[in-house]
C-alpha atoms as a PDB file:
ATOM      1  CA  UNK A   1      -3.251  31.006 -20.956  1.00  0.00           C
ATOM      2  CA  UNK A   2      -1.255  28.962 -18.439  1.00  0.00           C
ATOM      3  CA  UNK A   3      -1.984  29.536 -14.777  1.00  0.00           C
ATOM      4  CA  UNK A   4      -0.013  28.578 -11.707  1.00  0.00           C
ATOM      5  CA  UNK A   5      -2.279  27.104  -9.056  1.00  0.00           C
ATOM      6  CA  UNK A   6      -1.247  26.118  -5.569  1.00  0.00           C
ATOM      7  CA  UNK A   7      -3.194  23.120  -4.234  1.00  0.00           C
ATOM      8  CA  UNK A   8      -2.995  20.939  -1.151  1.00  0.00           C
ATOM      9  CA  UNK A   9      -1.494  17.483  -1.631  1.00  0.00           C
ATOM     10  CA  UNK A  10      -1.027  14.704   0.872  1.00  0.00           C
ATOM     11  CA  UNK A  11       2.294  12.885   1.128  1.00  0.00           C
ATOM     12  CA  UNK A  12       2.633   9.308   2.303  1.00  0.00           C
ATOM     13  CA  UNK A  13       5.944   9.090   4.147  1.00  0.00           C
ATOM     14  CA  UNK A  14       6.168   5.289   4.017  1.00  0.00           C
ATOM     15  CA  UNK A  15       5.326   5.144   0.308  1.00  0.00           C
ATOM     16  CA  UNK A  16       7.244   8.310  -0.602  1.00  0.00           C
ATOM     17  CA  UNK A  17       4.603   9.659  -2.985  1.00  0.00           C
ATOM     18  CA  UNK A  18       2.150  12.546  -3.109  1.00  0.00           C
ATOM     19  CA  UNK A  19      -1.605  12.053  -3.447  1.00  0.00           C
ATOM     20  CA  UNK A  20      -4.411  14.464  -4.278  1.00  0.00           C
ATOM     21  CA  UNK A  21      -6.829  12.994  -1.770  1.00  0.00           C
ATOM     22  CA  UNK A  22      -6.414  12.317   1.908  1.00  0.00           C
ATOM     23  CA  UNK A  23      -8.075   8.912   1.504  1.00  0.00           C
ATOM     24  CA  UNK A  24      -5.631   7.900  -1.198  1.00  0.00           C
ATOM     25  CA  UNK A  25      -2.654   8.840   0.969  1.00  0.00           C
ATOM     26  CA  UNK A  26      -4.085   6.987   3.976  1.00  0.00           C
ATOM     27  CA  UNK A  27      -4.674   3.842   1.930  1.00  0.00           C
ATOM     28  CA  UNK A  28      -1.167   3.989   0.412  1.00  0.00           C
ATOM     29  CA  UNK A  29       0.370   4.414   3.858  1.00  0.00           C
ATOM     30  CA  UNK A  30      -1.609   1.464   5.201  1.00  0.00           C
ATOM     31  CA  UNK A  31      -0.638  -0.763   2.286  1.00  0.00           C
ATOM     32  CA  UNK A  32       3.037   0.072   2.634  1.00  0.00           C
ATOM     33  CA  UNK A  33       2.963  -0.656   6.385  1.00  0.00           C
ATOM     34  CA  UNK A  34       1.371  -4.048   5.727  1.00  0.00           C
ATOM     35  CA  UNK A  35       3.836  -4.808   2.917  1.00  0.00           C
ATOM     36  CA  UNK A  36       6.735  -3.951   5.251  1.00  0.00           C
ATOM     37  CA  UNK A  37       5.499  -6.531   7.782  1.00  0.00           C
ATOM     38  CA  UNK A  38       4.501  -9.141   5.195  1.00  0.00           C
ATOM     39  CA  UNK A  39       6.879  -8.860   2.217  1.00  0.00           C
ATOM     40  CA  UNK A  40       5.901 -10.227  -1.170  1.00  0.00           C
ATOM     41  CA  UNK A  41       7.718 -13.333  -2.426  1.00  0.00           C
ATOM     42  CA  UNK A  42       8.135 -13.978  -6.133  1.00  0.00           C
ATOM     43  CA  UNK A  43       7.302 -17.312  -7.743  1.00  0.00           C
ATOM     44  CA  UNK A  44      10.237 -19.435  -8.939  1.00  0.00           C
ATOM     45  CA  UNK A  45      10.149 -21.327 -12.228  1.00  0.00           C
ATOM     46  CA  UNK A  46      12.430 -24.081 -13.530  1.00  0.00           C
ATOM     47  CA  UNK A  47      13.967 -24.098 -16.988  1.00  0.00           C
ATOM     48  CA  UNK A  48      10.865 -25.724 -18.573  1.00  0.00           C
ATOM     49  CA  UNK A  49       8.496 -23.002 -17.340  1.00  0.00           C
ATOM     50  CA  UNK A  50       6.999 -25.016 -14.476  1.00  0.00           C
ATOM     51  CA  UNK A  51       6.507 -23.313 -11.155  1.00  0.00           C
ATOM     52  CA  UNK A  52       8.756 -24.826  -8.488  1.00  0.00           C
ATOM     53  CA  UNK A  53       7.734 -22.526  -5.643  1.00  0.00           C
ATOM     54  CA  UNK A  54       4.599 -20.419  -5.662  1.00  0.00           C
ATOM     55  CA  UNK A  55       4.843 -16.748  -4.840  1.00  0.00           C
ATOM     56  CA  UNK A  56       3.099 -15.059  -1.965  1.00  0.00           C
ATOM     57  CA  UNK A  57       1.414 -11.678  -1.488  1.00  0.00           C
ATOM     58  CA  UNK A  58      -0.100 -10.179   1.683  1.00  0.00           C
ATOM     59  CA  UNK A  59      -3.549 -10.124  -0.008  1.00  0.00           C
ATOM     60  CA  UNK A  60      -3.553 -13.933   0.368  1.00  0.00           C
ATOM     61  CA  UNK A  61      -3.863 -13.586   4.146  1.00  0.00           C
ATOM     62  CA  UNK A  62      -7.334 -14.659   5.238  1.00  0.00           C
ATOM     63  CA  UNK A  63      -9.515 -11.579   5.708  1.00  0.00           C
ATOM     64  CA  UNK A  64      -6.867  -9.279   4.295  1.00  0.00           C
ATOM     65  CA  UNK A  65      -9.506  -6.727   3.408  1.00  0.00           C
ATOM     66  CA  UNK A  66     -10.370  -6.418   7.104  1.00  0.00           C
ATOM     67  CA  UNK A  67      -6.675  -5.946   7.921  1.00  0.00           C
ATOM     68  CA  UNK A  68      -6.405  -3.188   5.367  1.00  0.00           C
ATOM     69  CA  UNK A  69      -9.487  -1.400   6.692  1.00  0.00           C
ATOM     70  CA  UNK A  70      -8.207  -1.582  10.255  1.00  0.00           C
ATOM     71  CA  UNK A  71      -4.746  -0.291   9.405  1.00  0.00           C
ATOM     72  CA  UNK A  72      -6.343   2.519   7.391  1.00  0.00           C
ATOM     73  CA  UNK A  73      -8.381   3.448  10.444  1.00  0.00           C
ATOM     74  CA  UNK A  74      -5.265   3.435  12.647  1.00  0.00           C
ATOM     75  CA  UNK A  75      -3.383   5.654  10.201  1.00  0.00           C
ATOM     76  CA  UNK A  76      -6.321   8.036   9.933  1.00  0.00           C
ATOM     77  CA  UNK A  77      -6.597   8.359  13.701  1.00  0.00           C
ATOM     78  CA  UNK A  78      -2.887   8.928  14.015  1.00  0.00           C
ATOM     79  CA  UNK A  79      -2.894  11.969  11.716  1.00  0.00           C
ATOM     80  CA  UNK A  80      -6.072  13.635  12.976  1.00  0.00           C
ATOM     81  CA  UNK A  81      -5.853  15.741  16.165  1.00  0.00           C
END
């Protein structure tokens, strides 16, 4: 038998997706806020396959894990009353 069940989901407005857990939505929101401030740059290669310019991602920031935790905490405090 197929049942219709209504459940609570959490939507990340910056990411534009729905998550089943509050923690997942908070982490996605925090990552998208960081990515908006520090955009990812792709690596460029020449015709022979050698990298001419290396790419860059916000996870290469020193202590990026601390930045992510702090932004997660700020997002969590912003949504709780």
